[in-house]
Amino acid sequence: MLKHNLSWDNIKKRLRNLRQVIDGTAFELLYRSPLTYLNTRTTIGTNVFTREWDVLILLNTCRVDALREVAPEYDFNEEVNSIRSVGGRSPEWVAKTFVGECERII
């Protein structure tokens, strides 16, 4: 399970900007939490090891639209594709990616 840093200092920082708290809470309750829960019951995305790759480069927090915009500037970057991830956060992705036969890789 993912851990949150709930220290008193972090809580005080959040309370300084009530709108940020409300927006963050709404996002967490209405979007992130339901999808995370659903993904714990079933895998929504595609495990990278179920596809055939010549080269696979994983970029954490990389926006595909930004990568496509700069792709023509680099000869090695012929094609930019994306797939839906098996996790919304890095720890969840690692836990759902390296399972079964894929555990032997690491």
PDB file of N, CA and C in Angstrom:
ATOM      1  N   MET A   1       0.845  -1.184   0.000  1.00  0.00           N
ATOM      2  CA  MET A   1       0.000   0.000   0.000  1.00  0.00           C
ATOM      3  C   MET A   1       0.884   1.239   0.000  1.00  0.00           C
ATOM      4  N   LEU A   2       0.433   2.267  -0.626  1.00  0.00           N
ATOM      5  CA  LEU A   2       1.192   3.500  -0.716  1.00  0.00           C
ATOM      6  C   LEU A   2       1.102   4.272   0.593  1.00  0.00           C
ATOM      7  N   LYS A   3       2.211   4.888   0.996  1.00  0.00           N
ATOM      8  CA  LYS A   3       2.244   5.661   2.231  1.00  0.00           C
ATOM      9  C   LYS A   3       2.223   7.140   1.894  1.00  0.00           C
ATOM     10  N   HIS A   4       1.547   7.903   2.719  1.00  0.00           N
ATOM     11  CA  HIS A   4       1.497   9.349   2.564  1.00  0.00           C
ATOM     12  C   HIS A   4       2.254   9.986   3.710  1.00  0.00           C
ATOM     13  N   ASN A   5       2.916  11.085   3.441  1.00  0.00           N
ATOM     14  CA  ASN A   5       3.677  11.788   4.462  1.00  0.00           C
ATOM     15  C   ASN A   5       2.740  12.732   5.207  1.00  0.00           C
ATOM     16  N   LEU A   6       2.114  12.239   6.264  1.00  0.00           N
ATOM     17  CA  LEU A   6       1.147  13.020   7.026  1.00  0.00           C
ATOM     18  C   LEU A   6       1.776  13.562   8.302  1.00  0.00           C
ATOM     19  N   SER A   7       2.739  14.416   8.174  1.00  0.00           N
ATOM     20  CA  SER A   7       3.334  15.052   9.349  1.00  0.00           C
ATOM     21  C   SER A   7       2.534  16.311   9.685  1.00  0.00           C
ATOM     22  N   TRP A   8       2.665  16.792  10.896  1.00  0.00           N
ATOM     23  CA  TRP A   8       1.964  17.991  11.333  1.00  0.00           C
ATOM     24  C   TRP A   8       2.367  19.194  10.480  1.00  0.00           C
ATOM     25  N   ASP A   9       3.635  19.293  10.112  1.00  0.00           N
ATOM     26  CA  ASP A   9       4.098  20.399   9.271  1.00  0.00           C
ATOM     27  C   ASP A   9       3.427  20.380   7.894  1.00  0.00           C
ATOM     28  N   ASN A  10       3.288  19.195   7.316  1.00  0.00           N
ATOM     29  CA  ASN A  10       2.625  19.091   6.015  1.00  0.00           C
ATOM     30  C   ASN A  10       1.150  19.460   6.109  1.00  0.00           C
ATOM     31  N   ILE A  11       0.513  19.073   7.193  1.00  0.00           N
ATOM     32  CA  ILE A  11      -0.901  19.424   7.385  1.00  0.00           C
ATOM     33  C   ILE A  11      -1.048  20.940   7.514  1.00  0.00           C
ATOM     34  N   LYS A  12      -0.177  21.591   8.275  1.00  0.00           N
ATOM     35  CA  LYS A  12      -0.248  23.051   8.433  1.00  0.00           C
ATOM     36  C   LYS A  12      -0.020  23.760   7.099  1.00  0.00           C
ATOM     37  N   LYS A  13       0.908  23.268   6.290  1.00  0.00           N
ATOM     38  CA  LYS A  13       1.157  23.871   4.978  1.00  0.00           C
ATOM     39  C   LYS A  13      -0.096  23.788   4.110  1.00  0.00           C
ATOM     40  N   ARG A  14      -0.757  22.664   4.146  1.00  0.00           N
ATOM     41  CA  ARG A  14      -1.971  22.484   3.343  1.00  0.00           C
ATOM     42  C   ARG A  14      -3.103  23.386   3.813  1.00  0.00           C
ATOM     43  N   LEU A  15      -3.217  23.574   5.106  1.00  0.00           N
ATOM     44  CA  LEU A  15      -4.299  24.392   5.635  1.00  0.00           C
ATOM     45  C   LEU A  15      -4.130  25.869   5.314  1.00  0.00           C
ATOM     46  N   ARG A  16      -2.941  26.300   4.977  1.00  0.00           N
ATOM     47  CA  ARG A  16      -2.719  27.697   4.625  1.00  0.00           C
ATOM     48  C   ARG A  16      -3.466  28.088   3.355  1.00  0.00           C
ATOM     49  N   ASN A  17      -3.657  27.155   2.503  1.00  0.00           N
ATOM     50  CA  ASN A  17      -4.357  27.440   1.259  1.00  0.00           C
ATOM     51  C   ASN A  17      -5.547  26.490   1.147  1.00  0.00           C
ATOM     52  N   LEU A  18      -6.682  26.934   1.653  1.00  0.00           N
ATOM     53  CA  LEU A  18      -7.861  26.084   1.745  1.00  0.00           C
ATOM     54  C   LEU A  18      -8.341  25.602   0.373  1.00  0.00           C
ATOM     55  N   ARG A  19      -8.249  26.460  -0.631  1.00  0.00           N
ATOM     56  CA  ARG A  19      -8.684  26.044  -1.972  1.00  0.00           C
ATOM     57  C   ARG A  19      -7.841  24.880  -2.482  1.00  0.00           C
ATOM     58  N   GLN A  20      -6.545  24.932  -2.218  1.00  0.00           N
ATOM     59  CA  GLN A  20      -5.665  23.847  -2.631  1.00  0.00           C
ATOM     60  C   GLN A  20      -6.056  22.555  -1.912  1.00  0.00           C
ATOM     61  N   VAL A  21      -6.419  22.662  -0.665  1.00  0.00           N
ATOM     62  CA  VAL A  21      -6.848  21.487   0.096  1.00  0.00           C
ATOM     63  C   VAL A  21      -8.114  20.906  -0.512  1.00  0.00           C
ATOM     64  N   ILE A  22      -9.070  21.773  -0.809  1.00  0.00           N
ATOM     65  CA  ILE A  22     -10.344  21.298  -1.361  1.00  0.00           C
ATOM     66  C   ILE A  22     -10.131  20.674  -2.739  1.00  0.00           C
ATOM     67  N   ASP A  23      -9.365  21.351  -3.600  1.00  0.00           N
ATOM     68  CA  ASP A  23      -9.095  20.812  -4.930  1.00  0.00           C
ATOM     69  C   ASP A  23      -8.338  19.488  -4.846  1.00  0.00           C
ATOM     70  N   GLY A  24      -7.316  19.432  -4.003  1.00  0.00           N
ATOM     71  CA  GLY A  24      -6.536  18.201  -3.847  1.00  0.00           C
ATOM     72  C   GLY A  24      -7.366  17.068  -3.286  1.00  0.00           C
ATOM     73  N   THR A  25      -8.215  17.385  -2.315  1.00  0.00           N
ATOM     74  CA  THR A  25      -9.078  16.366  -1.712  1.00  0.00           C
ATOM     75  C   THR A  25     -10.103  15.865  -2.717  1.00  0.00           C
ATOM     76  N   ALA A  26     -10.710  16.787  -3.449  1.00  0.00           N
ATOM     77  CA  ALA A  26     -11.687  16.386  -4.457  1.00  0.00           C
ATOM     78  C   ALA A  26     -11.042  15.494  -5.517  1.00  0.00           C
ATOM     79  N   PHE A  27      -9.852  15.881  -5.983  1.00  0.00           N
ATOM     80  CA  PHE A  27      -9.138  15.070  -6.972  1.00  0.00           C
ATOM     81  C   PHE A  27      -8.861  13.678  -6.417  1.00  0.00           C
ATOM     82  N   GLU A  28      -8.384  13.638  -5.180  1.00  0.00           N
ATOM     83  CA  GLU A  28      -8.047  12.345  -4.558  1.00  0.00           C
ATOM     84  C   GLU A  28      -9.289  11.476  -4.384  1.00  0.00           C
ATOM     85  N   LEU A  29     -10.374  12.062  -3.886  1.00  0.00           N
ATOM     86  CA  LEU A  29     -11.579  11.285  -3.598  1.00  0.00           C
ATOM     87  C   LEU A  29     -12.379  10.915  -4.835  1.00  0.00           C
ATOM     88  N   LEU A  30     -12.440  11.815  -5.799  1.00  0.00           N
ATOM     89  CA  LEU A  30     -13.292  11.585  -6.958  1.00  0.00           C
ATOM     90  C   LEU A  30     -12.583  10.932  -8.134  1.00  0.00           C
ATOM     91  N   TYR A  31     -11.270  11.027  -8.174  1.00  0.00           N
ATOM     92  CA  TYR A  31     -10.541  10.499  -9.323  1.00  0.00           C
ATOM     93  C   TYR A  31      -9.494   9.470  -8.928  1.00  0.00           C
ATOM     94  N   ARG A  32      -8.472   9.894  -8.185  1.00  0.00           N
ATOM     95  CA  ARG A  32      -7.323   9.036  -7.903  1.00  0.00           C
ATOM     96  C   ARG A  32      -7.709   7.797  -7.087  1.00  0.00           C
ATOM     97  N   SER A  33      -8.418   7.976  -5.992  1.00  0.00           N
ATOM     98  CA  SER A  33      -8.750   6.840  -5.117  1.00  0.00           C
ATOM     99  C   SER A  33      -9.617   5.786  -5.804  1.00  0.00           C
ATOM    100  N   PRO A  34     -10.707   6.185  -6.495  1.00  0.00           N
ATOM    101  CA  PRO A  34     -11.498   5.151  -7.182  1.00  0.00           C
ATOM    102  C   PRO A  34     -10.703   4.387  -8.241  1.00  0.00           C
ATOM    103  N   LEU A  35      -9.885   5.094  -9.011  1.00  0.00           N
ATOM    104  CA  LEU A  35      -9.104   4.398 -10.039  1.00  0.00           C
ATOM    105  C   LEU A  35      -8.033   3.509  -9.431  1.00  0.00           C
ATOM    106  N   THR A  36      -7.417   3.970  -8.349  1.00  0.00           N
ATOM    107  CA  THR A  36      -6.419   3.145  -7.672  1.00  0.00           C
ATOM    108  C   THR A  36      -7.078   1.896  -7.099  1.00  0.00           C
ATOM    109  N   TYR A  37      -8.249   2.063  -6.493  1.00  0.00           N
ATOM    110  CA  TYR A  37      -8.976   0.914  -5.950  1.00  0.00           C
ATOM    111  C   TYR A  37      -9.350  -0.060  -7.061  1.00  0.00           C
ATOM    112  N   LEU A  38      -9.876   0.467  -8.163  1.00  0.00           N
ATOM    113  CA  LEU A  38     -10.243  -0.388  -9.286  1.00  0.00           C
ATOM    114  C   LEU A  38      -9.028  -1.131  -9.821  1.00  0.00           C
ATOM    115  N   ASN A  39      -7.900  -0.451  -9.892  1.00  0.00           N
ATOM    116  CA  ASN A  39      -6.690  -1.076 -10.398  1.00  0.00           C
ATOM    117  C   ASN A  39      -6.133  -2.129  -9.449  1.00  0.00           C
ATOM    118  N   THR A  40      -6.466  -2.058  -8.148  1.00  0.00           N
ATOM    119  CA  THR A  40      -6.035  -3.113  -7.236  1.00  0.00           C
ATOM    120  C   THR A  40      -6.868  -4.374  -7.429  1.00  0.00           C
ATOM    121  N   ARG A  41      -8.089  -4.222  -7.922  1.00  0.00           N
ATOM    122  CA  ARG A  41      -8.965  -5.367  -8.164  1.00  0.00           C
ATOM    123  C   ARG A  41      -8.690  -6.029  -9.509  1.00  0.00           C
ATOM    124  N   THR A  42      -8.300  -5.231 -10.477  1.00  0.00           N
ATOM    125  CA  THR A  42      -8.003  -5.720 -11.812  1.00  0.00           C
ATOM    126  C   THR A  42      -6.950  -4.804 -12.427  1.00  0.00           C
ATOM    127  N   THR A  43      -6.151  -5.320 -13.288  1.00  0.00           N
ATOM    128  CA  THR A  43      -5.135  -4.489 -13.924  1.00  0.00           C
ATOM    129  C   THR A  43      -5.748  -3.791 -15.123  1.00  0.00           C
ATOM    130  N   ILE A  44      -5.716  -2.454 -15.107  1.00  0.00           N
ATOM    131  CA  ILE A  44      -6.324  -1.667 -16.168  1.00  0.00           C
ATOM    132  C   ILE A  44      -5.379  -1.532 -17.360  1.00  0.00           C
ATOM    133  N   GLY A  45      -4.103  -1.345 -17.108  1.00  0.00           N
ATOM    134  CA  GLY A  45      -3.150  -1.043 -18.171  1.00  0.00           C
ATOM    135  C   GLY A  45      -2.517  -2.276 -18.792  1.00  0.00           C
ATOM    136  N   THR A  46      -1.443  -2.027 -19.529  1.00  0.00           N
ATOM    137  CA  THR A  46      -0.700  -3.070 -20.232  1.00  0.00           C
ATOM    138  C   THR A  46       0.669  -3.246 -19.586  1.00  0.00           C
ATOM    139  N   ASN A  47       0.986  -4.458 -19.192  1.00  0.00           N
ATOM    140  CA  ASN A  47       2.312  -4.745 -18.651  1.00  0.00           C
ATOM    141  C   ASN A  47       3.316  -4.677 -19.803  1.00  0.00           C
ATOM    142  N   VAL A  48       4.389  -3.940 -19.619  1.00  0.00           N
ATOM    143  CA  VAL A  48       5.363  -3.752 -20.702  1.00  0.00           C
ATOM    144  C   VAL A  48       5.996  -5.061 -21.153  1.00  0.00           C
ATOM    145  N   PHE A  49       6.002  -6.068 -20.290  1.00  0.00           N
ATOM    146  CA  PHE A  49       6.606  -7.341 -20.650  1.00  0.00           C
ATOM    147  C   PHE A  49       5.681  -8.224 -21.483  1.00  0.00           C
ATOM    148  N   THR A  50       4.440  -7.802 -21.687  1.00  0.00           N
ATOM    149  CA  THR A  50       3.540  -8.567 -22.552  1.00  0.00           C
ATOM    150  C   THR A  50       3.681  -8.155 -24.011  1.00  0.00           C
ATOM    151  N   ARG A  51       4.501  -7.151 -24.283  1.00  0.00           N
ATOM    152  CA  ARG A  51       4.730  -6.663 -25.638  1.00  0.00           C
ATOM    153  C   ARG A  51       6.149  -6.999 -26.064  1.00  0.00           C
ATOM    154  N   GLU A  52       6.360  -7.067 -27.365  1.00  0.00           N
ATOM    155  CA  GLU A  52       7.701  -7.335 -27.890  1.00  0.00           C
ATOM    156  C   GLU A  52       8.390  -6.007 -28.170  1.00  0.00           C
ATOM    157  N   TRP A  53       9.603  -5.869 -27.651  1.00  0.00           N
ATOM    158  CA  TRP A  53      10.343  -4.619 -27.808  1.00  0.00           C
ATOM    159  C   TRP A  53      11.738  -4.898 -28.338  1.00  0.00           C
ATOM    160  N   ASP A  54      12.206  -4.049 -29.230  1.00  0.00           N
ATOM    161  CA  ASP A  54      13.625  -4.035 -29.559  1.00  0.00           C
ATOM    162  C   ASP A  54      14.340  -3.217 -28.495  1.00  0.00           C
ATOM    163  N   VAL A  55      13.767  -2.061 -28.189  1.00  0.00           N
ATOM    164  CA  VAL A  55      14.295  -1.182 -27.151  1.00  0.00           C
ATOM    165  C   VAL A  55      13.099  -0.577 -26.427  1.00  0.00           C
ATOM    166  N   LEU A  56      13.149  -0.588 -25.117  1.00  0.00           N
ATOM    167  CA  LEU A  56      12.105   0.029 -24.310  1.00  0.00           C
ATOM    168  C   LEU A  56      12.766   1.008 -23.355  1.00  0.00           C
ATOM    169  N   ILE A  57      12.359   2.251 -23.446  1.00  0.00           N
ATOM    170  CA  ILE A  57      12.879   3.277 -22.545  1.00  0.00           C
ATOM    171  C   ILE A  57      11.702   3.775 -21.716  1.00  0.00           C
ATOM    172  N   LEU A  58      11.817   3.643 -20.411  1.00  0.00           N
ATOM    173  CA  LEU A  58      10.762   4.095 -19.512  1.00  0.00           C
ATOM    174  C   LEU A  58      11.114   5.469 -18.969  1.00  0.00           C
ATOM    175  N   LEU A  59      10.203   6.392 -19.131  1.00  0.00           N
ATOM    176  CA  LEU A  59      10.401   7.745 -18.640  1.00  0.00           C
ATOM    177  C   LEU A  59       9.324   8.024 -17.602  1.00  0.00           C
ATOM    178  N   ASN A  60       9.738   8.203 -16.382  1.00  0.00           N
ATOM    179  CA  ASN A  60       8.792   8.483 -15.312  1.00  0.00           C
ATOM    180  C   ASN A  60       8.363   9.946 -15.404  1.00  0.00           C
ATOM    181  N   THR A  61       7.095  10.189 -15.410  1.00  0.00           N
ATOM    182  CA  THR A  61       6.467  11.515 -15.486  1.00  0.00           C
ATOM    183  C   THR A  61       6.753  12.245 -16.789  1.00  0.00           C
ATOM    184  N   CYS A  62       6.981  11.527 -17.856  1.00  0.00           N
ATOM    185  CA  CYS A  62       7.202  12.159 -19.159  1.00  0.00           C
ATOM    186  C   CYS A  62       5.859  12.304 -19.875  1.00  0.00           C
ATOM    187  N   ARG A  63       5.605  13.465 -20.404  1.00  0.00           N
ATOM    188  CA  ARG A  63       4.383  13.705 -21.158  1.00  0.00           C
ATOM    189  C   ARG A  63       4.605  13.323 -22.607  1.00  0.00           C
ATOM    190  N   VAL A  64       3.738  12.465 -23.124  1.00  0.00           N
ATOM    191  CA  VAL A  64       3.875  11.976 -24.489  1.00  0.00           C
ATOM    192  C   VAL A  64       3.738  13.128 -25.482  1.00  0.00           C
ATOM    193  N   ASP A  65       2.845  14.070 -25.218  1.00  0.00           N
ATOM    194  CA  ASP A  65       2.680  15.187 -26.152  1.00  0.00           C
ATOM    195  C   ASP A  65       3.953  16.017 -26.246  1.00  0.00           C
ATOM    196  N   ALA A  66       4.642  16.220 -25.139  1.00  0.00           N
ATOM    197  CA  ALA A  66       5.900  16.978 -25.157  1.00  0.00           C
ATOM    198  C   ALA A  66       6.990  16.199 -25.888  1.00  0.00           C
ATOM    199  N   LEU A  67       7.033  14.885 -25.690  1.00  0.00           N
ATOM    200  CA  LEU A  67       8.021  14.059 -26.372  1.00  0.00           C
ATOM    201  C   LEU A  67       7.774  14.051 -27.880  1.00  0.00           C
ATOM    202  N   ARG A  68       6.519  13.987 -28.283  1.00  0.00           N
ATOM    203  CA  ARG A  68       6.193  14.019 -29.721  1.00  0.00           C
ATOM    204  C   ARG A  68       6.586  15.360 -30.345  1.00  0.00           C
ATOM    205  N   GLU A  69       6.468  16.414 -29.579  1.00  0.00           N
ATOM    206  CA  GLU A  69       6.798  17.746 -30.094  1.00  0.00           C
ATOM    207  C   GLU A  69       8.291  17.889 -30.413  1.00  0.00           C
ATOM    208  N   VAL A  70       9.151  17.277 -29.602  1.00  0.00           N
ATOM    209  CA  VAL A  70      10.590  17.404 -29.828  1.00  0.00           C
ATOM    210  C   VAL A  70      11.170  16.237 -30.619  1.00  0.00           C
ATOM    211  N   ALA A  71      10.385  15.211 -30.888  1.00  0.00           N
ATOM    212  CA  ALA A  71      10.875  14.019 -31.587  1.00  0.00           C
ATOM    213  C   ALA A  71      11.549  14.315 -32.922  1.00  0.00           C
ATOM    214  N   PRO A  72      11.022  15.222 -33.751  1.00  0.00           N
ATOM    215  CA  PRO A  72      11.671  15.477 -35.044  1.00  0.00           C
ATOM    216  C   PRO A  72      13.089  16.035 -34.927  1.00  0.00           C
ATOM    217  N   GLU A  73      13.456  16.549 -33.788  1.00  0.00           N
ATOM    218  CA  GLU A  73      14.789  17.119 -33.596  1.00  0.00           C
ATOM    219  C   GLU A  73      15.867  16.053 -33.410  1.00  0.00           C
ATOM    220  N   TYR A  74      15.455  14.789 -33.221  1.00  0.00           N
ATOM    221  CA  TYR A  74      16.405  13.710 -32.933  1.00  0.00           C
ATOM    222  C   TYR A  74      16.220  12.575 -33.931  1.00  0.00           C
ATOM    223  N   ASP A  75      17.325  12.146 -34.540  1.00  0.00           N
ATOM    224  CA  ASP A  75      17.267  11.085 -35.542  1.00  0.00           C
ATOM    225  C   ASP A  75      16.855   9.739 -34.956  1.00  0.00           C
ATOM    226  N   PHE A  76      17.274   9.448 -33.738  1.00  0.00           N
ATOM    227  CA  PHE A  76      16.995   8.144 -33.140  1.00  0.00           C
ATOM    228  C   PHE A  76      15.540   8.006 -32.702  1.00  0.00           C
ATOM    229  N   ASN A  77      14.819   9.086 -32.647  1.00  0.00           N
ATOM    230  CA  ASN A  77      13.456   9.087 -32.126  1.00  0.00           C
ATOM    231  C   ASN A  77      12.467   9.072 -33.286  1.00  0.00           C
ATOM    232  N   GLU A  78      12.377   7.936 -33.971  1.00  0.00           N
ATOM    233  CA  GLU A  78      11.543   7.837 -35.161  1.00  0.00           C
ATOM    234  C   GLU A  78      10.057   7.788 -34.835  1.00  0.00           C
ATOM    235  N   GLU A  79       9.716   7.122 -33.757  1.00  0.00           N
ATOM    236  CA  GLU A  79       8.312   6.888 -33.454  1.00  0.00           C
ATOM    237  C   GLU A  79       8.084   7.026 -31.950  1.00  0.00           C
ATOM    238  N   VAL A  80       7.079   7.766 -31.567  1.00  0.00           N
ATOM    239  CA  VAL A  80       6.740   7.940 -30.159  1.00  0.00           C
ATOM    240  C   VAL A  80       5.364   7.332 -29.940  1.00  0.00           C
ATOM    241  N   ASN A  81       5.304   6.304 -29.113  1.00  0.00           N
ATOM    242  CA  ASN A  81       4.044   5.635 -28.796  1.00  0.00           C
ATOM    243  C   ASN A  81       3.818   5.664 -27.293  1.00  0.00           C
ATOM    244  N   SER A  82       2.617   5.380 -26.908  1.00  0.00           N
ATOM    245  CA  SER A  82       2.314   5.268 -25.484  1.00  0.00           C
ATOM    246  C   SER A  82       1.345   4.120 -25.268  1.00  0.00           C
ATOM    247  N   ILE A  83       1.367   3.575 -24.072  1.00  0.00           N
ATOM    248  CA  ILE A  83       0.397   2.563 -23.660  1.00  0.00           C
ATOM    249  C   ILE A  83      -0.087   2.951 -22.268  1.00  0.00           C
ATOM    250  N   ARG A  84      -1.246   2.468 -21.903  1.00  0.00           N
ATOM    251  CA  ARG A  84      -1.777   2.749 -20.570  1.00  0.00           C
ATOM    252  C   ARG A  84      -0.978   1.943 -19.546  1.00  0.00           C
ATOM    253  N   SER A  85      -0.528   2.611 -18.521  1.00  0.00           N
ATOM    254  CA  SER A  85       0.313   2.004 -17.497  1.00  0.00           C
ATOM    255  C   SER A  85      -0.503   1.101 -16.572  1.00  0.00           C
ATOM    256  N   VAL A  86       0.163   0.125 -15.970  1.00  0.00           N
ATOM    257  CA  VAL A  86      -0.505  -0.740 -15.000  1.00  0.00           C
ATOM    258  C   VAL A  86      -0.567  -0.107 -13.616  1.00  0.00           C
ATOM    259  N   GLY A  87       0.046   1.048 -13.455  1.00  0.00           N
ATOM    260  CA  GLY A  87       0.008   1.726 -12.160  1.00  0.00           C
ATOM    261  C   GLY A  87      -0.003   3.224 -12.315  1.00  0.00           C
ATOM    262  N   GLY A  88      -0.697   3.892 -11.416  1.00  0.00           N
ATOM    263  CA  GLY A  88      -0.777   5.338 -11.454  1.00  0.00           C
ATOM    264  C   GLY A  88       0.378   6.021 -10.754  1.00  0.00           C
ATOM    265  N   ARG A  89       1.105   5.283  -9.955  1.00  0.00           N
ATOM    266  CA  ARG A  89       2.267   5.805  -9.234  1.00  0.00           C
ATOM    267  C   ARG A  89       3.377   4.767  -9.349  1.00  0.00           C
ATOM    268  N   SER A  90       4.611   5.227  -9.217  1.00  0.00           N
ATOM    269  CA  SER A  90       5.757   4.332  -9.426  1.00  0.00           C
ATOM    270  C   SER A  90       5.717   3.064  -8.580  1.00  0.00           C
ATOM    271  N   PRO A  91       5.449   3.134  -7.265  1.00  0.00           N
ATOM    272  CA  PRO A  91       5.428   1.893  -6.482  1.00  0.00           C
ATOM    273  C   PRO A  91       4.376   0.897  -6.970  1.00  0.00           C
ATOM    274  N   GLU A  92       3.215   1.409  -7.357  1.00  0.00           N
ATOM    275  CA  GLU A  92       2.159   0.535  -7.877  1.00  0.00           C
ATOM    276  C   GLU A  92       2.590  -0.078  -9.208  1.00  0.00           C
ATOM    277  N   TRP A  93       3.233   0.726 -10.072  1.00  0.00           N
ATOM    278  CA  TRP A  93       3.695   0.231 -11.366  1.00  0.00           C
ATOM    279  C   TRP A  93       4.718  -0.880 -11.188  1.00  0.00           C
ATOM    280  N   VAL A  94       5.691  -0.678 -10.307  1.00  0.00           N
ATOM    281  CA  VAL A  94       6.733  -1.683 -10.066  1.00  0.00           C
ATOM    282  C   VAL A  94       6.104  -2.974  -9.546  1.00  0.00           C
ATOM    283  N   ALA A  95       5.174  -2.846  -8.589  1.00  0.00           N
ATOM    284  CA  ALA A  95       4.546  -4.033  -7.997  1.00  0.00           C
ATOM    285  C   ALA A  95       3.741  -4.821  -9.026  1.00  0.00           C
ATOM    286  N   LYS A  96       3.122  -4.136  -9.983  1.00  0.00           N
ATOM    287  CA  LYS A  96       2.301  -4.827 -10.975  1.00  0.00           C
ATOM    288  C   LYS A  96       3.065  -5.202 -12.238  1.00  0.00           C
ATOM    289  N   THR A  97       4.255  -4.649 -12.422  1.00  0.00           N
ATOM    290  CA  THR A  97       5.044  -4.964 -13.615  1.00  0.00           C
ATOM    291  C   THR A  97       5.920  -6.185 -13.403  1.00  0.00           C
ATOM    292  N   PHE A  98       6.589  -6.243 -12.276  1.00  0.00           N
ATOM    293  CA  PHE A  98       7.528  -7.331 -12.017  1.00  0.00           C
ATOM    294  C   PHE A  98       6.855  -8.444 -11.228  1.00  0.00           C
ATOM    295  N   VAL A  99       5.968  -9.182 -11.911  1.00  0.00           N
ATOM    296  CA  VAL A  99       5.238 -10.290 -11.320  1.00  0.00           C
ATOM    297  C   VAL A  99       5.441 -11.521 -12.184  1.00  0.00           C
ATOM    298  N   GLY A 100       5.231 -12.691 -11.598  1.00  0.00           N
ATOM    299  CA  GLY A 100       5.342 -13.943 -12.350  1.00  0.00           C
ATOM    300  C   GLY A 100       6.727 -14.145 -12.930  1.00  0.00           C
ATOM    301  N   GLU A 101       6.795 -14.458 -14.221  1.00  0.00           N
ATOM    302  CA  GLU A 101       8.074 -14.687 -14.890  1.00  0.00           C
ATOM    303  C   GLU A 101       8.939 -13.437 -14.912  1.00  0.00           C
ATOM    304  N   CYS A 102       8.329 -12.280 -14.883  1.00  0.00           N
ATOM    305  CA  CYS A 102       9.068 -11.019 -14.947  1.00  0.00           C
ATOM    306  C   CYS A 102       9.883 -10.764 -13.677  1.00  0.00           C
ATOM    307  N   GLU A 103       9.569 -11.450 -12.580  1.00  0.00           N
ATOM    308  CA  GLU A 103      10.334 -11.279 -11.335  1.00  0.00           C
ATOM    309  C   GLU A 103      11.772 -11.725 -11.502  1.00  0.00           C
ATOM    310  N   ARG A 104      12.035 -12.649 -12.406  1.00  0.00           N
ATOM    311  CA  ARG A 104      13.391 -13.155 -12.609  1.00  0.00           C
ATOM    312  C   ARG A 104      14.299 -12.110 -13.225  1.00  0.00           C
ATOM    313  N   ILE A 105      13.734 -11.119 -13.877  1.00  0.00           N
ATOM    314  CA  ILE A 105      14.536 -10.095 -14.557  1.00  0.00           C
ATOM    315  C   ILE A 105      15.295  -9.239 -13.544  1.00  0.00           C
ATOM    316  N   ILE A 106      14.650  -8.916 -12.429  1.00  0.00           N
ATOM    317  CA  ILE A 106      15.305  -8.053 -11.451  1.00  0.00           C
ATOM    318  C   ILE A 106      16.029  -8.875 -10.472  1.00  0.00           C
TER     319      ILE A 106
END
